[in-house]
C-alpha atoms as a PDB file:
ATOM      1  CA  MET A   1      -2.880  41.917 -33.228  1.00  0.00           C
ATOM      2  CA  THR A   2      -5.237  42.250 -30.276  1.00  0.00           C
ATOM      3  CA  GLY A   3      -5.794  45.818 -29.190  1.00  0.00           C
ATOM      4  CA  ALA A   4      -8.041  48.080 -27.197  1.00  0.00           C
ATOM      5  CA  HIS A   5      -8.340  51.755 -26.452  1.00  0.00           C
ATOM      6  CA  PRO A   6      -5.342  52.834 -24.295  1.00  0.00           C
ATOM      7  CA  LYS A   7      -7.644  53.884 -21.451  1.00  0.00           C
ATOM      8  CA  ALA A   8      -9.920  50.871 -21.718  1.00  0.00           C
ATOM      9  CA  VAL A   9     -10.539  48.887 -18.541  1.00  0.00           C
ATOM     10  CA  ARG A  10      -9.016  45.440 -18.835  1.00  0.00           C
ATOM     11  CA  LEU A  11      -9.665  42.071 -17.243  1.00  0.00           C
ATOM     12  CA  ILE A  12      -6.940  39.571 -18.126  1.00  0.00           C
ATOM     13  CA  VAL A  13      -7.337  35.863 -17.388  1.00  0.00           C
ATOM     14  CA  ALA A  14      -4.565  33.326 -17.972  1.00  0.00           C
ATOM     15  CA  ILE A  15      -5.575  29.698 -18.371  1.00  0.00           C
ATOM     16  CA  SER A  16      -3.788  26.410 -18.903  1.00  0.00           C
ATOM     17  CA  SER A  17      -4.645  24.133 -21.809  1.00  0.00           C
ATOM     18  CA  ARG A  18      -5.901  21.348 -19.502  1.00  0.00           C
ATOM     19  CA  ALA A  19      -8.280  23.745 -17.760  1.00  0.00           C
ATOM     20  CA  LEU A  20      -9.652  24.988 -21.070  1.00  0.00           C
ATOM     21  CA  PHE A  21      -9.907  21.686 -22.954  1.00  0.00           C
ATOM     22  CA  ASP A  22     -10.420  18.015 -22.198  1.00  0.00           C
ATOM     23  CA  LEU A  23      -6.883  16.697 -22.594  1.00  0.00           C
ATOM     24  CA  SER A  24      -7.422  13.625 -20.439  1.00  0.00           C
ATOM     25  CA  GLU A  25      -6.472  11.128 -23.159  1.00  0.00           C
ATOM     26  CA  SER A  26      -3.306  12.918 -24.273  1.00  0.00           C
ATOM     27  CA  HIS A  27      -2.338  13.524 -20.647  1.00  0.00           C
ATOM     28  CA  ARG A  28      -2.756   9.784 -20.010  1.00  0.00           C
ATOM     29  CA  VAL A  29      -0.316   9.135 -22.864  1.00  0.00           C
ATOM     30  CA  PHE A  30       2.139  11.600 -21.327  1.00  0.00           C
ATOM     31  CA  GLU A  31       1.847  10.037 -17.862  1.00  0.00           C
ATOM     32  CA  THR A  32       2.150   6.417 -19.007  1.00  0.00           C
ATOM     33  CA  GLU A  33       4.344   6.580 -22.111  1.00  0.00           C
ATOM     34  CA  GLY A  34       6.447   9.724 -21.767  1.00  0.00           C
ATOM     35  CA  VAL A  35       7.202  12.943 -23.619  1.00  0.00           C
ATOM     36  CA  ASP A  36       8.073  11.461 -27.014  1.00  0.00           C
ATOM     37  CA  ALA A  37       4.895   9.393 -27.181  1.00  0.00           C
ATOM     38  CA  TYR A  38       2.884  12.457 -26.098  1.00  0.00           C
ATOM     39  CA  ARG A  39       4.410  14.582 -28.847  1.00  0.00           C
ATOM     40  CA  ALA A  40       3.719  11.893 -31.457  1.00  0.00           C
ATOM     41  CA  TYR A  41       0.144  11.579 -30.223  1.00  0.00           C
ATOM     42  CA  GLN A  42      -0.504  15.329 -30.409  1.00  0.00           C
ATOM     43  CA  VAL A  43       0.980  15.638 -33.891  1.00  0.00           C
ATOM     44  CA  GLU A  44      -0.994  12.619 -35.112  1.00  0.00           C
ATOM     45  CA  HIS A  45      -4.213  14.146 -33.755  1.00  0.00           C
ATOM     46  CA  GLU A  46      -3.330  17.721 -34.694  1.00  0.00           C
ATOM     47  CA  ASN A  47      -6.469  18.170 -36.775  1.00  0.00           C
ATOM     48  CA  ASP A  48      -8.777  16.614 -34.177  1.00  0.00           C
ATOM     49  CA  ILE A  49     -10.508  19.457 -32.366  1.00  0.00           C
ATOM     50  CA  LEU A  50     -10.362  19.147 -28.595  1.00  0.00           C
ATOM     51  CA  GLU A  51     -13.552  18.935 -26.569  1.00  0.00           C
ATOM     52  CA  PRO A  52     -14.328  21.668 -24.017  1.00  0.00           C
ATOM     53  CA  GLY A  53     -12.897  21.309 -20.524  1.00  0.00           C
ATOM     54  CA  VAL A  54     -14.270  22.429 -17.166  1.00  0.00           C
ATOM     55  CA  ALA A  55     -13.391  26.115 -17.580  1.00  0.00           C
ATOM     56  CA  PHE A  56     -14.395  26.367 -21.255  1.00  0.00           C
ATOM     57  CA  PRO A  57     -17.949  27.709 -20.652  1.00  0.00           C
ATOM     58  CA  LEU A  58     -16.589  30.430 -18.358  1.00  0.00           C
ATOM     59  CA  VAL A  59     -13.932  31.452 -20.880  1.00  0.00           C
ATOM     60  CA  ARG A  60     -16.434  31.602 -23.719  1.00  0.00           C
ATOM     61  CA  LYS A  61     -18.752  33.833 -21.679  1.00  0.00           C
ATOM     62  CA  LEU A  62     -15.882  36.074 -20.600  1.00  0.00           C
ATOM     63  CA  ILE A  63     -14.706  36.612 -24.170  1.00  0.00           C
ATOM     64  CA  SER A  64     -18.263  37.298 -25.309  1.00  0.00           C
ATOM     65  CA  LEU A  65     -18.380  40.278 -22.926  1.00  0.00           C
ATOM     66  CA  ASN A  66     -16.214  42.220 -25.371  1.00  0.00           C
ATOM     67  CA  THR A  67     -19.219  42.826 -27.606  1.00  0.00           C
ATOM     68  CA  ALA A  68     -21.000  44.717 -24.811  1.00  0.00           C
ATOM     69  CA  LEU A  69     -17.814  46.454 -23.646  1.00  0.00           C
ATOM     70  CA  GLY A  70     -16.892  47.911 -27.014  1.00  0.00           C
ATOM     71  CA  GLU A  71     -14.068  50.461 -26.733  1.00  0.00           C
ATOM     72  CA  ARG A  72     -14.619  51.028 -22.998  1.00  0.00           C
ATOM     73  CA  GLY A  73     -13.065  47.791 -21.822  1.00  0.00           C
ATOM     74  CA  ARG A  74     -11.747  44.428 -22.819  1.00  0.00           C
ATOM     75  CA  VAL A  75     -11.574  40.912 -21.441  1.00  0.00           C
ATOM     76  CA  GLU A  76      -8.510  39.072 -22.664  1.00  0.00           C
ATOM     77  CA  VAL A  77      -7.813  35.370 -22.209  1.00  0.00           C
ATOM     78  CA  ILE A  78      -4.210  34.193 -22.474  1.00  0.00           C
ATOM     79  CA  LEU A  79      -3.166  30.576 -22.893  1.00  0.00           C
ATOM     80  CA  LEU A  80      -0.304  29.438 -20.638  1.00  0.00           C
ATOM     81  CA  SER A  81       0.784  25.876 -21.293  1.00  0.00           C
ATOM     82  CA  ARG A  82       3.558  23.426 -20.470  1.00  0.00           C
ATOM     83  CA  ASN A  83       3.291  22.210 -24.069  1.00  0.00           C
ATOM     84  CA  SER A  84       5.970  23.085 -26.584  1.00  0.00           C
ATOM     85  CA  SER A  85       4.941  25.283 -29.495  1.00  0.00           C
ATOM     86  CA  ASP A  86       4.889  22.085 -31.570  1.00  0.00           C
ATOM     87  CA  THR A  87       2.477  20.134 -29.362  1.00  0.00           C
ATOM     88  CA  GLY A  88       0.581  23.289 -28.450  1.00  0.00           C
ATOM     89  CA  LEU A  89      -0.478  23.888 -32.039  1.00  0.00           C
ATOM     90  CA  ARG A  90      -3.467  21.585 -31.525  1.00  0.00           C
ATOM     91  CA  VAL A  91      -4.593  23.637 -28.513  1.00  0.00           C
ATOM     92  CA  LEU A  92      -4.569  27.004 -30.281  1.00  0.00           C
ATOM     93  CA  THR A  93      -6.166  25.511 -33.381  1.00  0.00           C
ATOM     94  CA  SER A  94      -8.944  24.069 -31.215  1.00  0.00           C
ATOM     95  CA  ALA A  95      -9.478  27.429 -29.522  1.00  0.00           C
ATOM     96  CA  HIS A  96      -9.922  29.170 -32.842  1.00  0.00           C
ATOM     97  CA  ARG A  97     -12.159  26.426 -34.233  1.00  0.00           C
ATOM     98  CA  HIS A  98     -14.377  26.851 -31.170  1.00  0.00           C
ATOM     99  CA  GLY A  99     -14.578  30.575 -31.903  1.00  0.00           C
ATOM    100  CA  LEU A 100     -12.461  31.714 -28.935  1.00  0.00           C
ATOM    101  CA  ASP A 101     -10.611  34.960 -29.598  1.00  0.00           C
ATOM    102  CA  ILE A 102      -7.290  33.989 -28.015  1.00  0.00           C
ATOM    103  CA  THR A 103      -4.259  35.600 -29.639  1.00  0.00           C
ATOM    104  CA  ARG A 104      -1.621  35.496 -26.886  1.00  0.00           C
ATOM    105  CA  ALA A 105      -0.017  32.331 -25.562  1.00  0.00           C
ATOM    106  CA  ALA A 106       3.096  31.035 -23.847  1.00  0.00           C
ATOM    107  CA  PHE A 107       4.274  27.463 -24.464  1.00  0.00           C
ATOM    108  CA  THR A 108       7.000  26.630 -21.959  1.00  0.00           C
ATOM    109  CA  GLY A 109       8.165  23.177 -23.093  1.00  0.00           C
ATOM    110  CA  GLY A 110       7.614  21.446 -19.757  1.00  0.00           C
ATOM    111  CA  ALA A 111       8.579  24.307 -17.428  1.00  0.00           C
ATOM    112  CA  SER A 112       5.998  25.857 -15.126  1.00  0.00           C
ATOM    113  CA  PRO A 113       4.321  28.790 -16.890  1.00  0.00           C
ATOM    114  CA  TYR A 114       3.509  30.613 -13.640  1.00  0.00           C
ATOM    115  CA  ARG A 115       6.220  33.258 -14.155  1.00  0.00           C
ATOM    116  CA  TYR A 116       4.350  34.588 -17.188  1.00  0.00           C
ATOM    117  CA  VAL A 117       1.150  35.278 -15.234  1.00  0.00           C
ATOM    118  CA  ALA A 118       2.571  38.552 -13.905  1.00  0.00           C
ATOM    119  CA  ALA A 119       4.440  39.292 -17.141  1.00  0.00           C
ATOM    120  CA  PHE A 120       1.151  39.285 -19.056  1.00  0.00           C
ATOM    121  CA  GLY A 121      -0.493  41.358 -16.310  1.00  0.00           C
ATOM    122  CA  ALA A 122      -3.078  38.657 -15.659  1.00  0.00           C
ATOM    123  CA  HIS A 123      -5.551  39.211 -12.832  1.00  0.00           C
ATOM    124  CA  LEU A 124      -6.285  35.471 -12.553  1.00  0.00           C
ATOM    125  CA  PHE A 125      -4.570  32.199 -13.426  1.00  0.00           C
ATOM    126  CA  LEU A 126      -6.620  29.018 -13.836  1.00  0.00           C
ATOM    127  CA  SER A 127      -4.789  25.718 -14.142  1.00  0.00           C
ATOM    128  CA  ALA A 128      -5.311  21.988 -13.714  1.00  0.00           C
ATOM    129  CA  ASP A 129      -1.855  21.696 -12.135  1.00  0.00           C
ATOM    130  CA  PRO A 130      -1.883  22.379  -8.357  1.00  0.00           C
ATOM    131  CA  ASN A 131       1.883  22.952  -8.290  1.00  0.00           C
ATOM    132  CA  ASP A 132       1.690  25.718 -10.895  1.00  0.00           C
ATOM    133  CA  VAL A 133      -1.157  27.285  -8.935  1.00  0.00           C
ATOM    134  CA  ARG A 134       0.831  27.271  -5.691  1.00  0.00           C
ATOM    135  CA  LEU A 135       3.792  28.866  -7.428  1.00  0.00           C
ATOM    136  CA  ALA A 136       1.587  31.602  -8.878  1.00  0.00           C
ATOM    137  CA  LEU A 137      -0.008  32.274  -5.476  1.00  0.00           C
ATOM    138  CA  SER A 138       3.423  32.468  -3.858  1.00  0.00           C
ATOM    139  CA  ALA A 139       4.356  35.061  -6.484  1.00  0.00           C
ATOM    140  CA  GLY A 140       1.362  37.185  -5.471  1.00  0.00           C
ATOM    141  CA  CYS A 141      -1.014  36.253  -8.302  1.00  0.00           C
ATOM    142  CA  ALA A 142      -4.622  35.167  -7.881  1.00  0.00           C
ATOM    143  CA  ALA A 143      -4.683  31.518  -8.938  1.00  0.00           C
ATOM    144  CA  ALA A 144      -6.866  28.447  -8.557  1.00  0.00           C
ATOM    145  CA  THR A 145      -6.803  24.786  -9.471  1.00  0.00           C
ATOM    146  CA  VAL A 146      -9.769  24.056 -11.726  1.00  0.00           C
ATOM    147  CA  LEU A 147     -11.314  20.829 -10.474  1.00  0.00           C
ATOM    148  CA  SER A 148     -12.837  18.178 -12.664  1.00  0.00           C
ATOM    149  CA  ALA A 149     -16.589  18.158 -12.273  1.00  0.00           C
ATOM    150  CA  ALA A 150     -19.206  15.433 -12.168  1.00  0.00           C
ATOM    151  CA  ALA A 151     -20.686  17.099 -15.234  1.00  0.00           C
ATOM    152  CA  THR A 152     -19.023  20.008 -17.025  1.00  0.00           C
ATOM    153  CA  ALA A 153     -21.184  23.058 -16.634  1.00  0.00           C
ATOM    154  CA  ALA A 154     -22.803  24.068 -19.880  1.00  0.00           C
ATOM    155  CA  ALA A 155     -23.090  27.720 -20.804  1.00  0.00           C
ATOM    156  CA  GLY A 156     -26.762  28.562 -20.704  1.00  0.00           C
ATOM    157  CA  GLY A 157     -28.650  31.211 -22.584  1.00  0.00           C
ATOM    158  CA  ASP A 158     -27.874  33.885 -19.988  1.00  0.00           C
ATOM    159  CA  PRO A 159     -24.765  35.783 -21.150  1.00  0.00           C
ATOM    160  CA  GLN A 160     -24.164  37.289 -17.699  1.00  0.00           C
ATOM    161  CA  VAL A 161     -20.990  35.985 -16.052  1.00  0.00           C
ATOM    162  CA  ARG A 162     -21.573  34.968 -12.433  1.00  0.00           C
ATOM    163  CA  ILE A 163     -18.549  34.545 -10.173  1.00  0.00           C
ATOM    164  CA  ALA A 164     -18.760  33.451  -6.529  1.00  0.00           C
ATOM    165  CA  PHE A 165     -16.061  33.787  -3.890  1.00  0.00           C
ATOM    166  CA  ASP A 166     -15.417  32.465  -0.437  1.00  0.00           C
ATOM    167  CA  GLY A 167     -14.253  35.148   1.988  1.00  0.00           C
ATOM    168  CA  ASP A 168     -11.434  34.252   4.366  1.00  0.00           C
ATOM    169  CA  ALA A 169      -8.185  33.174   2.631  1.00  0.00           C
ATOM    170  CA  VAL A 170      -9.662  34.086  -0.781  1.00  0.00           C
ATOM    171  CA  LEU A 171     -10.946  37.676  -0.880  1.00  0.00           C
ATOM    172  CA  PHE A 172      -9.568  38.383   2.590  1.00  0.00           C
ATOM    173  CA  SER A 173      -6.457  37.238   4.415  1.00  0.00           C
ATOM    174  CA  ASP A 174      -6.586  34.067   6.494  1.00  0.00           C
ATOM    175  CA  ASP A 175      -5.961  35.924   9.784  1.00  0.00           C
ATOM    176  CA  ALA A 176      -9.516  35.463  11.037  1.00  0.00           C
ATOM    177  CA  GLU A 177      -9.677  31.844   9.845  1.00  0.00           C
ATOM    178  CA  ARG A 178      -6.443  31.159  11.687  1.00  0.00           C
ATOM    179  CA  LEU A 179      -7.892  32.589  14.903  1.00  0.00           C
ATOM    180  CA  TYR A 180     -11.051  30.504  14.498  1.00  0.00           C
ATOM    181  CA  ARG A 181      -9.030  27.294  14.127  1.00  0.00           C
ATOM    182  CA  GLU A 182      -6.768  28.095  17.062  1.00  0.00           C
ATOM    183  CA  GLU A 183      -9.250  29.578  19.538  1.00  0.00           C
ATOM    184  CA  GLY A 184     -12.742  28.461  18.461  1.00  0.00           C
ATOM    185  CA  LEU A 185     -15.952  30.131  17.342  1.00  0.00           C
ATOM    186  CA  ALA A 186     -16.644  32.189  20.478  1.00  0.00           C
ATOM    187  CA  VAL A 187     -13.212  33.853  20.443  1.00  0.00           C
ATOM    188  CA  PHE A 188     -13.475  34.356  16.668  1.00  0.00           C
ATOM    189  CA  ASN A 189     -16.861  36.094  16.961  1.00  0.00           C
ATOM    190  CA  ALA A 190     -15.685  38.259  19.855  1.00  0.00           C
ATOM    191  CA  SER A 191     -12.588  39.319  17.926  1.00  0.00           C
ATOM    192  CA  GLU A 192     -14.495  40.079  14.729  1.00  0.00           C
ATOM    193  CA  THR A 193     -17.088  42.094  16.644  1.00  0.00           C
ATOM    194  CA  ALA A 194     -14.379  44.126  18.395  1.00  0.00           C
ATOM    195  CA  SER A 195     -12.661  44.706  15.024  1.00  0.00           C
ATOM    196  CA  ALA A 196     -15.842  45.450  13.075  1.00  0.00           C
ATOM    197  CA  TYR A 197     -14.586  48.883  11.974  1.00  0.00           C
ATOM    198  CA  GLU A 198     -11.083  47.613  11.096  1.00  0.00           C
ATOM    199  CA  PRO A 199     -10.994  46.456   7.457  1.00  0.00           C
ATOM    200  CA  LEU A 200      -9.788  42.913   6.881  1.00  0.00           C
ATOM    201  CA  PRO A 201      -6.456  42.614   5.047  1.00  0.00           C
ATOM    202  CA  GLY A 202      -6.809  41.662   1.406  1.00  0.00           C
ATOM    203  CA  GLY A 203      -6.428  38.071   0.287  1.00  0.00           C
ATOM    204  CA  PRO A 204      -5.027  36.657  -2.961  1.00  0.00           C
ATOM    205  CA  PHE A 205      -8.208  37.383  -4.943  1.00  0.00           C
ATOM    206  CA  LYS A 206      -8.703  41.016  -3.938  1.00  0.00           C
ATOM    207  CA  GLY A 207      -6.993  42.287  -7.112  1.00  0.00           C
ATOM    208  CA  PHE A 208      -9.164  40.072  -9.309  1.00  0.00           C
ATOM    209  CA  LEU A 209     -12.293  41.366  -7.574  1.00  0.00           C
ATOM    210  CA  VAL A 210     -11.107  44.960  -8.081  1.00  0.00           C
ATOM    211  CA  ALA A 211     -10.647  44.299 -11.829  1.00  0.00           C
ATOM    212  CA  ILE A 212     -14.156  42.823 -12.065  1.00  0.00           C
ATOM    213  CA  HIS A 213     -15.580  45.804 -10.175  1.00  0.00           C
ATOM    214  CA  GLN A 214     -13.939  48.228 -12.618  1.00  0.00           C
ATOM    215  CA  LEU A 215     -15.648  46.472 -15.523  1.00  0.00           C
ATOM    216  CA  GLN A 216     -18.963  46.479 -13.668  1.00  0.00           C
ATOM    217  CA  ASN A 217     -18.689  50.234 -13.182  1.00  0.00           C
ATOM    218  CA  LEU A 218     -18.883  50.719 -16.938  1.00  0.00           C
ATOM    219  CA  PHE A 219     -22.550  49.693 -16.776  1.00  0.00           C
ATOM    220  CA  PRO A 220     -25.618  50.610 -14.724  1.00  0.00           C
ATOM    221  CA  ALA A 221     -25.726  48.348 -11.658  1.00  0.00           C
ATOM    222  CA  GLU A 222     -28.862  46.593 -12.874  1.00  0.00           C
ATOM    223  CA  ALA A 223     -27.397  45.930 -16.326  1.00  0.00           C
ATOM    224  CA  ALA A 224     -23.815  44.841 -15.582  1.00  0.00           C
ATOM    225  CA  PRO A 225     -22.715  41.780 -17.588  1.00  0.00           C
ATOM    226  CA  LEU A 226     -20.814  40.416 -14.571  1.00  0.00           C
ATOM    227  CA  ARG A 227     -22.393  39.538 -11.243  1.00  0.00           C
ATOM    228  CA  THR A 228     -20.509  38.625  -8.082  1.00  0.00           C
ATOM    229  CA  ALA A 229     -21.424  36.817  -4.889  1.00  0.00           C
ATOM    230  CA  LEU A 230     -19.698  36.327  -1.567  1.00  0.00           C
ATOM    231  CA  VAL A 231     -20.605  32.876  -0.240  1.00  0.00           C
ATOM    232  CA  THR A 232     -19.142  32.483   3.218  1.00  0.00           C
ATOM    233  CA  ALA A 233     -19.578  30.236   6.236  1.00  0.00           C
ATOM    234  CA  ARG A 234     -19.554  33.370   8.391  1.00  0.00           C
ATOM    235  CA  GLY A 235     -22.797  34.429  10.053  1.00  0.00           C
ATOM    236  CA  ALA A 236     -23.830  37.134  12.506  1.00  0.00           C
ATOM    237  CA  PRO A 237     -22.097  38.813  14.270  1.00  0.00           C
ATOM    238  CA  SER A 238     -18.929  38.309  12.192  1.00  0.00           C
ATOM    239  CA  HIS A 239     -20.708  39.503   9.035  1.00  0.00           C
ATOM    240  CA  GLU A 240     -20.386  43.168   9.990  1.00  0.00           C
ATOM    241  CA  ARG A 241     -16.622  43.340   9.543  1.00  0.00           C
ATOM    242  CA  VAL A 242     -16.946  41.837   6.055  1.00  0.00           C
ATOM    243  CA  VAL A 243     -19.563  44.395   5.005  1.00  0.00           C
ATOM    244  CA  ARG A 244     -17.492  47.280   6.343  1.00  0.00           C
ATOM    245  CA  THR A 245     -14.336  45.912   4.703  1.00  0.00           C
ATOM    246  CA  LEU A 246     -15.941  45.881   1.245  1.00  0.00           C
ATOM    247  CA  ARG A 247     -17.257  49.368   1.924  1.00  0.00           C
ATOM    248  CA  ALA A 248     -13.741  50.535   2.840  1.00  0.00           C
ATOM    249  CA  TRP A 249     -12.409  48.989  -0.368  1.00  0.00           C
ATOM    250  CA  ASP A 250     -15.179  50.793  -2.299  1.00  0.00           C
ATOM    251  CA  ILE A 251     -16.169  47.517  -3.931  1.00  0.00           C
ATOM    252  CA  ARG A 252     -19.707  46.371  -4.594  1.00  0.00           C
ATOM    253  CA  ILE A 253     -20.548  42.709  -4.104  1.00  0.00           C
ATOM    254  CA  ASP A 254     -23.872  42.026  -5.785  1.00  0.00           C
ATOM    255  CA  GLU A 255     -24.935  39.247  -3.430  1.00  0.00           C
ATOM    256  CA  ALA A 256     -23.586  38.329   0.000  1.00  0.00           C
ATOM    257  CA  LEU A 257     -24.605  35.013   1.533  1.00  0.00           C
ATOM    258  CA  PHE A 258     -23.699  34.593   5.201  1.00  0.00           C
ATOM    259  CA  LEU A 259     -24.483  30.930   5.769  1.00  0.00           C
ATOM    260  CA  GLY A 260     -23.470  30.469   9.390  1.00  0.00           C
ATOM    261  CA  GLY A 261     -21.883  27.100   8.661  1.00  0.00           C
ATOM    262  CA  LEU A 262     -24.453  25.728   6.195  1.00  0.00           C
ATOM    263  CA  ALA A 263     -23.191  23.786   3.170  1.00  0.00           C
ATOM    264  CA  LYS A 264     -22.559  26.076   0.209  1.00  0.00           C
ATOM    265  CA  SER A 265     -23.378  23.865  -2.768  1.00  0.00           C
ATOM    266  CA  SER A 266     -27.142  24.432  -3.011  1.00  0.00           C
ATOM    267  CA  PHE A 267     -26.662  28.190  -2.672  1.00  0.00           C
ATOM    268  CA  LEU A 268     -24.068  28.207  -5.457  1.00  0.00           C
ATOM    269  CA  GLU A 269     -26.464  26.297  -7.666  1.00  0.00           C
ATOM    270  CA  ALA A 270     -29.206  28.802  -6.856  1.00  0.00           C
ATOM    271  CA  PHE A 271     -26.854  31.677  -7.721  1.00  0.00           C
ATOM    272  CA  ASP A 272     -26.070  29.834 -10.978  1.00  0.00           C
ATOM    273  CA  ALA A 273     -22.346  30.435 -10.569  1.00  0.00           C
ATOM    274  CA  ASP A 274     -20.112  30.042 -13.600  1.00  0.00           C
ATOM    275  CA  ILE A 275     -17.256  29.422 -11.177  1.00  0.00           C
ATOM    276  CA  PHE A 276     -16.728  29.395  -7.408  1.00  0.00           C
ATOM    277  CA  PHE A 277     -13.440  29.956  -5.591  1.00  0.00           C
ATOM    278  CA  ASP A 278     -12.767  28.496  -2.130  1.00  0.00           C
ATOM    279  CA  ASP A 279      -9.672  27.676  -0.117  1.00  0.00           C
ATOM    280  CA  GLN A 280     -11.032  24.573   1.613  1.00  0.00           C
ATOM    281  CA  GLU A 281     -11.026  21.297  -0.278  1.00  0.00           C
ATOM    282  CA  ILE A 282     -14.099  19.978   1.538  1.00  0.00           C
ATOM    283  CA  HIS A 283     -16.168  22.914   0.279  1.00  0.00           C
ATOM    284  CA  CYS A 284     -14.703  22.561  -3.210  1.00  0.00           C
ATOM    285  CA  ASP A 285     -15.556  18.858  -3.361  1.00  0.00           C
ATOM    286  CA  GLU A 286     -19.173  19.670  -2.515  1.00  0.00           C
ATOM    287  CA  ALA A 287     -19.391  22.599  -4.917  1.00  0.00           C
ATOM    288  CA  ARG A 288     -17.876  20.817  -7.920  1.00  0.00           C
ATOM    289  CA  ARG A 289     -20.925  18.552  -8.104  1.00  0.00           C
ATOM    290  CA  HIS A 290     -23.014  21.584  -9.059  1.00  0.00           C
ATOM    291  CA  VAL A 291     -20.786  24.337 -10.502  1.00  0.00           C
ATOM    292  CA  ALA A 292     -17.299  24.774 -11.918  1.00  0.00           C
ATOM    293  CA  THR A 293     -14.971  25.179  -8.945  1.00  0.00           C
ATOM    294  CA  GLY A 294     -11.488  26.527  -8.367  1.00  0.00           C
ATOM    295  CA  HIS A 295      -9.514  25.450  -5.309  1.00  0.00           C
ATOM    296  CA  VAL A 296      -7.307  28.213  -3.885  1.00  0.00           C
ATOM    297  CA  PRO A 297      -4.498  26.400  -2.015  1.00  0.00           C
ATOM    298  CA  HIS A 298      -3.784  29.325   0.271  1.00  0.00           C
ATOM    299  CA  GLY A 299      -3.908  29.975   3.976  1.00  0.00           C
ATOM    300  CA  VAL A 300      -4.068  28.011   7.185  1.00  0.00           C
ATOM    301  CA  ALA A 301      -6.603  25.431   5.941  1.00  0.00           C
ATOM    302  CA  ASN A 302      -4.147  24.245   3.302  1.00  0.00           C
ATOM    303  CA  GLN A 303      -1.204  24.303   5.666  1.00  0.00           C
ATOM    304  CA  ALA A 304      -3.191  21.999   7.944  1.00  0.00           C
ATOM    305  CA  ALA A 305      -4.110  19.738   5.035  1.00  0.00           C
ATOM    306  CA  LYS A 306      -0.499  19.585   3.894  1.00  0.00           C
END
């Protein structure tokens, strides 16, 4: 059984099988030939180890943090899958063959696994299924759709986990973004300047950021195994409210990039992000060419797209 000291700080990440592994061929069988053919395919290939998927390098680095954490904290990765326990056997076997310490899983036999995100106490849910992600977000859980990348990011020699976030509609609510879309940049800047000392409401990823921050606090700032970055289209003068909000939350962001509308992709590559979370599909499509990217289908930008 997996265990940790009762007072240990925990970071719990739930992930779907298609986000963790490359299941494109078996998913094609499911889509074109149906459930029975899919089950037969998975059983036939049960001993064939699955290749890593888009989120695999991130998961491997997260699990490896447990060596540095020792008894003080633990990162746990939980597998949530629409597979049955029968077809899911290949997934868990592959995880163990790849050296991933994953001991908890839920196989839901075709039903959405989102309800188990909260039951497991997960701070984040990563999935390849946008519908499951929307359901998890609606239930108050941080969740993102892991997007296929031009080239799956490979875990480099640096063991530090680097996570980048957009601001509005991700770490913060979409209130300010909504005002910007309705009234324009000048009104947005005037409102944010007037509200500089009023903390922004939290967004869907605030709890995940808090959990990361608690792990970071177990280490000296210069030696933390996790590093965070805020990468936002905001610029001066709207930056001040963001800085004061994080200060009010008592959360340290290691790097804050206020780009004033510049494209984010080159900055994410420079930060060497293991994953980037953004609510706007246009930013995600640019970012996925360089780093693993999670689309957060939350807020006014996604209502407009829908």
